[in-house]
């Protein structure tokens, strides 16, 4: 799951997972955290599509 919170100069992203390790995606976007709970900051709503695509790819890889 990804939660996006718009603040004045950034969009905070919170990642939570009960399955795949999610902090790898957070690190890709200059964030970090625990394997199943992590966060990052982005600066454009355009980046949301990239994050969602990364999350979908991670879920597909986990299902294989």
Protein backbone atom coordinates (compact mmCIF):
# COMPACT_ATOMS: atom_id res chain seq x y z
CA UNK A 1 0.00 0.00 0.00
CA UNK A 2 1.19 3.50 -0.70
CA UNK A 3 -0.17 6.64 0.91
CA UNK A 4 0.60 10.06 -0.58
CA UNK A 5 0.43 13.16 1.62
CA UNK A 6 0.80 16.56 -0.02
CA UNK A 7 2.68 19.14 2.02
CA UNK A 8 3.81 22.64 1.07
CA UNK A 9 7.01 21.73 -0.79
CA UNK A 10 6.92 17.95 -1.06
CA UNK A 11 4.71 14.91 -1.26
CA UNK A 12 5.41 12.42 1.48
CA UNK A 13 5.00 8.79 0.55
CA UNK A 14 4.31 6.11 3.14
CA UNK A 15 4.74 2.47 2.18
CA UNK A 16 3.26 -0.45 4.10
CA UNK A 17 3.37 -4.13 3.19
CA UNK A 18 2.40 -7.50 4.61
CA UNK A 19 4.17 -9.35 1.81
CA UNK A 20 6.96 -8.03 -0.39
CA UNK A 21 9.79 -6.04 1.14
CA UNK A 22 8.90 -2.45 0.34
CA UNK A 23 11.87 -0.40 1.57
CA UNK A 24 13.69 -1.09 -1.72
CA UNK A 25 11.18 1.15 -3.50
CA UNK A 26 11.48 3.80 -0.79
CA UNK A 27 15.27 3.87 -1.25
CA UNK A 28 14.81 4.36 -5.00
CA UNK A 29 13.03 7.63 -4.17
CA UNK A 30 15.62 8.83 -1.62
CA UNK A 31 13.74 7.38 1.33
CA UNK A 32 14.17 4.38 3.55
CA UNK A 33 12.81 2.52 6.50
CA UNK A 34 12.00 -0.96 7.64
CA UNK A 35 11.38 -3.86 5.24
CA UNK A 36 7.59 -3.64 5.62
CA UNK A 37 7.14 0.03 6.63
CA UNK A 38 9.06 2.77 4.85
CA UNK A 39 8.74 6.28 3.48
CA UNK A 40 10.09 8.71 0.91
CA UNK A 41 9.56 12.24 -0.36
CA UNK A 42 8.80 13.22 -3.93
CA UNK A 43 8.39 16.67 -5.41
CA UNK A 44 5.93 16.17 -8.26
CA UNK A 45 2.66 14.29 -8.72
CA UNK A 46 4.16 13.03 -11.99
CA UNK A 47 6.39 10.71 -9.93
CA UNK A 48 3.35 8.94 -8.45
CA UNK A 49 2.85 6.93 -11.64
CA UNK A 50 6.45 5.70 -11.41
CA UNK A 51 5.99 4.63 -7.80
CA UNK A 52 2.75 2.81 -8.59
CA UNK A 53 4.44 1.03 -11.51
CA UNK A 54 7.33 -0.02 -9.23
CA UNK A 55 4.87 -1.32 -6.65
CA UNK A 56 2.97 -3.29 -9.29
CA UNK A 57 6.22 -4.79 -10.61
CA UNK A 58 7.25 -5.78 -7.08
CA UNK A 59 3.90 -7.48 -6.52
CA UNK A 60 4.21 -9.40 -9.80
CA UNK A 61 7.71 -10.57 -8.88
CA UNK A 62 6.46 -11.69 -5.46
CA UNK A 63 3.63 -13.69 -7.04
CA UNK A 64 5.99 -15.67 -9.28
